[in-house]
Amino acid sequence: MIVFSPMPKDMLKLKSVILAPLEGITDELYRELILNHYPDWDLLFTDFYRIPRHGNKTKKKLIDHIGTRILNTPDFFNKTVVQVLTSSNDAIEQTCQDLNELKVQWLDLNAGCPMRRVIYHKGGSYLLSDLDELKSIVSRLRKNFPHFLTVKIRIGLKDDKNFYEILRMLEGEGVDAITLHGRLQSQLYAGTADWNYIAKATDILKIPLIGNGDIWKASDAFKMYNLTNCHSIMIGRPAMRAPWLAHLIKENKNEILLKELQVEIDNYLTRLFEKNLEYGFHSDQALKRVKAVSPSIFSDFSNGIDVRTKVLRSEKFETVKEAVAELVLESVSE
């Protein structure tokens, strides 16, 4: 039987800047890179761990997902949030037991993933259309996980008809905070995140609300705080594009020179490439990982499209370095 311990009061500090879970990106390798070189991030979410059906996976799969280097480095582990994706048929109780044995202090339920294959298997944003299923899952997690428990959601699946009911239900089931991405599932990542819903959620909740969606610049973070009064912020795709964004936000820095940005980009891509080699990946695989974060990283430069094309067509990392060196240098204001 689990003996519930008091929630750490400083688990979620006011105005925390949080790295969102990004499938295929925020694995152990990437999170270790961020923790080593961009320490201004207060918390980092794992990409989602798919809770297995009963007996399908071992505890080792969970350990590998979190990462042994992360688990064995207290400063890194204390900043790590484990996100899970699940449906009611999965081994929720066993997974919670494994998490407790690993001394995980923060667990997050993914009820916001918009991808169709996840929806098909009744996970992620699907749960926003089935409140009984969502409530059952959250209840089981709450009963079996005694530490900080959160849920990441969107406005809704195809509409917002369940929006307020979902918020009240989650709070009533004892979750400690909610992250809200200001889009419907049906929007995927198109259009603009509607921060008005973040403001509405903040108004009615007594627990912290973490705002998420379209924080591309430091100035966007300041605007979100001012417009929504949210407790903290979470950043996903923009963080993959610019992991130094947390530092700019913490330093209240709204301007950056492209010359500085060019150096940041070169350092970031080089570190990512080298970290992949350190983890034992072949140079071709490491280059593929560099390309995965590159599509929008050069957009502030006048010749950014040409550089992006060269990077994406490159067959060796040296070509990436050459392309970054060709970026046209001017001043840019956020």
Protein backbone atom coordinates (compact mmCIF):
# COMPACT_ATOMS: atom_id res chain seq x y z
CA MET A 1 0.00 0.00 0.00
CA ILE A 2 1.34 3.43 -0.94
CA VAL A 3 1.91 5.91 1.88
CA PHE A 4 1.31 9.39 0.47
CA SER A 5 3.99 11.91 1.25
CA PRO A 6 3.49 15.70 1.30
CA MET A 7 3.85 17.43 -2.06
CA PRO A 8 7.15 19.33 -2.33
CA LYS A 9 6.14 22.97 -2.06
CA ASP A 10 8.73 24.12 -4.56
CA MET A 11 8.06 21.44 -7.18
CA LEU A 12 6.58 24.06 -9.50
CA LYS A 13 8.08 27.46 -8.84
CA LEU A 14 6.26 30.59 -9.96
CA LYS A 15 7.13 31.64 -13.53
CA SER A 16 8.93 28.42 -14.30
CA VAL A 17 10.08 28.04 -17.91
CA ILE A 18 9.45 24.44 -18.94
CA LEU A 19 10.65 22.43 -21.93
CA ALA A 20 7.65 20.63 -23.42
CA PRO A 21 7.56 16.96 -24.37
CA LEU A 22 8.42 16.56 -28.06
CA GLU A 23 7.99 13.09 -29.54
CA GLY A 24 11.19 11.85 -31.12
CA ILE A 25 13.15 14.84 -29.80
CA THR A 26 13.18 15.06 -25.98
CA ASP A 27 14.77 11.69 -25.34
CA GLU A 28 17.60 11.21 -22.85
CA LEU A 29 20.24 12.39 -25.32
CA TYR A 30 18.51 15.67 -26.08
CA ARG A 31 17.55 16.39 -22.49
CA GLU A 32 21.11 15.80 -21.33
CA LEU A 33 22.35 18.25 -23.97
CA ILE A 34 19.87 20.88 -22.77
CA LEU A 35 20.66 20.31 -19.11
CA ASN A 36 24.39 20.64 -19.74
CA HIS A 37 24.38 23.67 -22.02
CA TYR A 38 21.08 25.52 -21.47
CA PRO A 39 20.52 25.31 -17.69
CA ASP A 40 17.98 28.14 -17.51
CA TRP A 41 15.19 25.64 -18.19
CA ASP A 42 13.50 24.94 -14.87
CA LEU A 43 11.98 21.62 -15.89
CA LEU A 44 12.18 19.25 -18.86
CA PHE A 45 9.48 16.79 -19.90
CA THR A 46 10.33 13.43 -21.39
CA ASP A 47 8.68 12.58 -24.68
CA PHE A 48 5.65 10.46 -23.85
CA TYR A 49 6.11 6.96 -22.46
CA ARG A 50 3.40 4.66 -23.77
CA ILE A 51 2.12 2.72 -20.77
CA PRO A 52 2.04 -0.91 -21.93
CA ARG A 53 -0.76 -3.36 -21.85
CA HIS A 54 -0.38 -5.78 -18.97
CA GLY A 55 2.82 -7.81 -19.24
CA ASN A 56 3.94 -6.35 -22.55
CA LYS A 57 6.98 -4.39 -21.36
CA THR A 58 9.46 -4.49 -18.51
CA LYS A 59 10.58 -1.85 -16.04
CA LYS A 60 13.79 -1.60 -18.06
CA LYS A 61 11.84 0.04 -20.88
CA LEU A 62 10.78 2.80 -18.50
CA ILE A 63 14.34 3.21 -17.20
CA ASP A 64 15.66 3.45 -20.76
CA HIS A 65 12.98 6.01 -21.59
CA ILE A 66 13.90 8.29 -18.70
CA GLY A 67 17.59 7.58 -19.24
CA THR A 68 20.16 6.03 -16.94
CA ARG A 69 22.39 9.11 -17.12
CA ILE A 70 19.46 11.26 -16.02
CA LEU A 71 18.49 8.86 -13.24
CA ASN A 72 22.06 8.76 -11.94
CA THR A 73 22.58 12.54 -11.96
CA PRO A 74 20.50 14.13 -9.16
CA ASP A 75 20.64 17.66 -10.57
CA PHE A 76 19.30 16.38 -13.89
CA PHE A 77 16.76 13.97 -12.39
CA ASN A 78 15.30 16.70 -10.17
CA LYS A 79 14.44 18.72 -13.28
CA THR A 80 12.84 15.79 -15.11
CA VAL A 81 9.10 15.25 -15.54
CA VAL A 82 7.95 11.89 -16.87
CA GLN A 83 5.03 12.12 -19.27
CA VAL A 84 2.87 9.08 -20.00
CA LEU A 85 0.37 8.27 -22.72
CA THR A 86 -2.28 5.74 -21.80
CA SER A 87 -5.80 4.40 -22.20
CA SER A 88 -7.93 2.59 -19.65
CA ASN A 89 -6.82 -0.90 -20.77
CA ASP A 90 -3.18 -0.27 -19.91
CA ALA A 91 -1.07 -1.29 -16.91
CA ILE A 92 -1.44 2.01 -15.07
CA GLU A 93 -1.04 0.62 -11.55
CA GLN A 94 2.10 -1.37 -12.40
CA THR A 95 3.66 1.60 -14.17
CA CYS A 96 2.96 3.85 -11.18
CA GLN A 97 4.63 1.26 -8.95
CA ASP A 98 7.69 1.32 -11.22
CA LEU A 99 7.74 5.13 -11.17
CA ASN A 100 7.53 5.16 -7.39
CA GLU A 101 10.39 2.68 -7.09
CA LEU A 102 12.49 4.92 -9.34
CA LYS A 103 11.60 7.87 -7.04
CA VAL A 104 10.05 9.90 -9.84
CA GLN A 105 8.62 13.05 -8.26
CA TRP A 106 6.50 14.44 -11.10
CA LEU A 107 4.22 12.52 -13.46
CA ASP A 108 2.29 14.09 -16.33
CA LEU A 109 -0.59 12.59 -18.30
CA ASN A 110 -0.65 13.37 -22.01
CA ALA A 111 -4.23 14.33 -22.85
CA GLY A 112 -3.21 16.75 -25.56
CA CYS A 113 -1.30 14.93 -28.31
CA PRO A 114 -3.14 15.75 -31.57
CA MET A 115 -1.66 13.06 -33.80
CA ARG A 116 -4.21 10.85 -35.55
CA ARG A 117 -2.50 7.55 -34.73
CA VAL A 118 -2.66 8.47 -31.03
CA ILE A 119 -6.32 9.50 -31.31
CA TYR A 120 -7.09 6.20 -33.07
CA HIS A 121 -5.80 4.29 -30.05
CA LYS A 122 -7.90 6.45 -27.70
CA GLY A 123 -5.01 8.37 -26.20
CA GLY A 124 -3.86 11.97 -26.11
CA SER A 125 -6.50 14.50 -27.19
CA TYR A 126 -9.07 11.75 -27.68
CA LEU A 127 -9.57 11.80 -23.92
CA LEU A 128 -10.97 15.32 -24.17
CA SER A 129 -14.01 13.83 -25.93
CA ASP A 130 -14.53 11.02 -23.40
CA LEU A 131 -14.68 12.53 -19.94
CA ASP A 132 -15.56 9.26 -18.21
CA GLU A 133 -12.43 7.65 -19.66
CA LEU A 134 -10.29 10.66 -18.75
CA LYS A 135 -11.65 10.77 -15.22
CA SER A 136 -11.05 7.06 -14.73
CA ILE A 137 -7.43 7.31 -15.87
CA VAL A 138 -6.68 10.39 -13.75
CA SER A 139 -8.32 8.76 -10.73
CA ARG A 140 -6.17 5.63 -11.10
CA LEU A 141 -3.02 7.69 -11.51
CA ARG A 142 -3.88 9.82 -8.47
CA LYS A 143 -4.54 6.76 -6.29
CA ASN A 144 -1.25 5.13 -7.23
CA PHE A 145 1.16 8.03 -7.66
CA PRO A 146 1.72 9.98 -4.41
CA HIS A 147 3.75 12.88 -5.76
CA PHE A 148 3.23 15.78 -8.16
CA LEU A 149 0.64 14.86 -10.81
CA THR A 150 -0.29 17.05 -13.77
CA VAL A 151 -2.25 16.76 -17.00
CA LYS A 152 -1.45 18.39 -20.33
CA ILE A 153 -4.52 19.21 -22.41
CA ARG A 154 -5.78 21.21 -25.38
CA ILE A 155 -8.96 23.30 -25.61
CA GLY A 156 -10.81 20.25 -26.86
CA LEU A 157 -10.97 17.66 -29.63
CA LYS A 158 -13.06 19.31 -32.36
CA ASP A 159 -14.72 22.00 -30.24
CA ASP A 160 -14.55 23.52 -26.76
CA LYS A 161 -17.85 22.19 -25.40
CA ASN A 162 -16.15 20.18 -22.63
CA PHE A 163 -13.55 22.82 -21.77
CA TYR A 164 -14.79 24.03 -18.39
CA GLU A 165 -16.05 20.61 -17.32
CA ILE A 166 -12.61 19.12 -18.02
CA LEU A 167 -10.85 21.76 -15.96
CA ARG A 168 -13.16 21.34 -12.98
CA MET A 169 -13.02 17.55 -13.19
CA LEU A 170 -9.20 17.47 -13.26
CA GLU A 171 -9.00 19.82 -10.31
CA GLY A 172 -11.59 17.76 -8.45
CA GLU A 173 -9.64 14.56 -9.05
CA GLY A 174 -6.64 16.05 -7.25
CA VAL A 175 -4.18 16.94 -9.99
CA ASP A 176 -1.61 19.47 -8.83
CA ALA A 177 -1.43 21.60 -12.00
CA ILE A 178 -2.70 21.68 -15.58
CA THR A 179 -0.88 22.62 -18.78
CA LEU A 180 -3.10 24.09 -21.49
CA HIS A 181 -2.14 24.39 -25.15
CA GLY A 182 -4.40 26.97 -26.76
CA ARG A 183 -5.54 24.94 -29.78
CA LEU A 184 -8.09 22.25 -30.58
CA GLN A 185 -6.83 18.83 -31.58
CA SER A 186 -8.34 19.35 -35.02
CA GLN A 187 -6.06 22.35 -35.57
CA LEU A 188 -2.88 20.32 -35.01
CA TYR A 189 -0.31 23.15 -35.06
CA ALA A 190 -2.01 25.37 -37.63
CA GLY A 191 -3.22 28.89 -37.02
CA THR A 192 -2.50 30.73 -33.79
CA ALA A 193 -2.84 29.45 -30.25
CA ASP A 194 -5.76 31.15 -28.48
CA TRP A 195 -4.40 32.50 -25.22
CA ASN A 196 -7.87 33.67 -24.17
CA TYR A 197 -8.58 30.10 -23.07
CA ILE A 198 -5.45 30.14 -20.92
CA ALA A 199 -6.73 33.32 -19.25
CA LYS A 200 -10.18 31.73 -18.73
CA ALA A 201 -8.65 28.63 -17.17
CA THR A 202 -6.46 30.69 -14.87
CA ASP A 203 -9.53 32.58 -13.67
CA ILE A 204 -11.49 29.51 -12.60
CA LEU A 205 -8.75 27.22 -11.28
CA LYS A 206 -7.32 27.20 -7.79
CA ILE A 207 -4.36 25.09 -8.90
CA PRO A 208 -1.51 26.41 -11.12
CA LEU A 209 -2.15 26.75 -14.86
CA ILE A 210 0.83 26.39 -17.19
CA GLY A 211 0.40 28.24 -20.49
CA ASN A 212 1.55 26.65 -23.72
CA GLY A 213 1.46 27.59 -27.39
CA ASP A 214 3.26 30.00 -29.74
CA ILE A 215 5.91 31.38 -27.42
CA TRP A 216 8.43 31.95 -30.18
CA LYS A 217 10.28 34.89 -28.62
CA ALA A 218 11.06 36.15 -25.16
CA SER A 219 8.57 38.96 -25.73
CA ASP A 220 5.86 36.35 -26.35
CA ALA A 221 6.47 34.92 -22.89
CA PHE A 222 6.05 38.34 -21.31
CA LYS A 223 2.84 38.88 -23.30
CA MET A 224 1.42 35.55 -22.21
CA TYR A 225 2.05 36.32 -18.55
CA ASN A 226 0.47 39.76 -18.88
CA LEU A 227 -2.57 38.61 -20.87
CA THR A 228 -3.35 35.37 -19.05
CA ASN A 229 -1.87 35.66 -15.55
CA CYS A 230 -0.79 32.03 -15.92
CA HIS A 231 1.47 30.54 -13.25
CA SER A 232 4.26 29.31 -15.56
CA ILE A 233 4.94 28.66 -19.23
CA MET A 234 5.81 25.65 -21.34
CA ILE A 235 7.62 25.89 -24.67
CA GLY A 236 7.79 23.16 -27.31
CA ARG A 237 8.62 23.67 -31.00
CA PRO A 238 10.21 27.11 -30.44
CA ALA A 239 12.53 25.55 -27.85
CA MET A 240 13.70 22.96 -30.35
CA ARG A 241 14.44 25.86 -32.71
CA ALA A 242 16.16 28.01 -30.07
CA PRO A 243 17.04 26.26 -26.78
CA TRP A 244 18.64 29.50 -25.54
CA LEU A 245 15.14 31.00 -25.36
CA ALA A 246 14.85 30.19 -21.65
CA HIS A 247 17.92 32.31 -20.95
CA LEU A 248 16.49 35.27 -22.87
CA ILE A 249 13.26 35.02 -20.90
CA LYS A 250 15.03 34.79 -17.55
CA GLU A 251 17.24 37.76 -18.44
CA ASN A 252 14.29 39.83 -19.75
CA LYS A 253 16.21 40.21 -22.98
CA ASN A 254 14.11 41.26 -25.98
CA GLU A 255 16.85 41.91 -28.52
CA ILE A 256 19.53 39.72 -30.02
CA LEU A 257 22.07 40.39 -32.73
CA LEU A 258 22.11 38.02 -35.65
CA LYS A 259 25.86 37.71 -35.18
CA GLU A 260 25.20 36.34 -31.70
CA LEU A 261 22.42 34.18 -33.06
CA GLN A 262 24.71 32.71 -35.69
CA VAL A 263 27.15 31.66 -32.97
CA GLU A 264 24.31 30.16 -30.90
CA ILE A 265 23.08 28.16 -33.89
CA ASP A 266 26.55 26.88 -34.71
CA ASN A 267 27.15 25.84 -31.09
CA TYR A 268 23.73 24.18 -30.81
CA LEU A 269 23.99 22.10 -33.96
CA THR A 270 27.59 21.14 -33.20
CA ARG A 271 26.70 20.08 -29.67
CA LEU A 272 23.75 18.06 -30.93
CA PHE A 273 25.86 16.31 -33.57
CA GLU A 274 28.63 15.53 -31.09
CA LYS A 275 26.19 14.32 -28.44
CA ASN A 276 24.77 11.80 -30.91
CA LEU A 277 28.27 10.51 -31.65
CA GLU A 278 28.92 10.28 -27.89
CA TYR A 279 25.81 8.12 -27.54
CA GLY A 280 27.15 5.77 -30.20
CA PHE A 281 25.18 6.89 -33.24
CA HIS A 282 26.76 6.80 -36.68
CA SER A 283 27.55 10.17 -38.26
CA ASP A 284 24.70 9.72 -40.76
CA GLN A 285 22.24 9.23 -37.90
CA ALA A 286 23.69 12.21 -36.04
CA LEU A 287 23.32 14.37 -39.14
CA LYS A 288 19.69 13.28 -39.48
CA ARG A 289 19.05 14.47 -35.92
CA VAL A 290 20.62 17.85 -36.74
CA LYS A 291 18.34 18.19 -39.75
CA ALA A 292 15.29 17.40 -37.60
CA VAL A 293 15.73 20.62 -35.59
CA SER A 294 16.76 22.77 -38.55
CA PRO A 295 13.67 23.63 -40.66
CA SER A 296 12.82 26.94 -38.93
CA ILE A 297 16.07 27.74 -37.14
CA PHE A 298 17.36 30.12 -39.83
CA SER A 299 14.16 32.09 -40.40
CA ASP A 300 15.47 35.38 -38.96
CA PHE A 301 18.15 35.67 -41.62
CA SER A 302 17.60 37.21 -45.07
CA ASN A 303 19.23 34.20 -46.74
CA GLY A 304 17.76 31.74 -44.27
CA ILE A 305 15.81 29.76 -46.89
CA ASP A 306 18.92 29.13 -48.94
CA VAL A 307 20.90 28.08 -45.88
CA ARG A 308 18.11 25.79 -44.71
CA THR A 309 18.02 24.12 -48.13
CA LYS A 310 21.77 23.54 -48.03
CA VAL A 311 21.57 22.08 -44.54
CA LEU A 312 18.71 19.74 -45.37
CA ARG A 313 20.52 18.52 -48.50
CA SER A 314 23.87 18.10 -46.78
CA GLU A 315 25.51 14.68 -46.70
CA LYS A 316 28.06 15.50 -44.02
CA PHE A 317 28.10 17.73 -40.97
CA GLU A 318 30.94 19.86 -42.33
CA THR A 319 28.51 21.12 -44.97
CA VAL A 320 26.12 22.20 -42.21
CA LYS A 321 28.90 24.21 -40.57
CA GLU A 322 29.72 25.86 -43.89
CA ALA A 323 26.08 26.77 -44.46
CA VAL A 324 25.71 28.35 -41.00
CA ALA A 325 28.84 30.42 -41.65
CA GLU A 326 27.16 31.83 -44.78
CA LEU A 327 24.25 33.39 -42.87
CA VAL A 328 23.85 37.10 -43.59
CA LEU A 329 24.55 39.15 -40.46
CA GLU A 330 22.33 42.07 -39.44
CA SER A 331 20.59 43.21 -36.28
CA VAL A 332 17.18 41.85 -35.40
CA SER A 333 14.74 42.83 -32.68
CA GLU A 334 12.45 40.34 -31.03
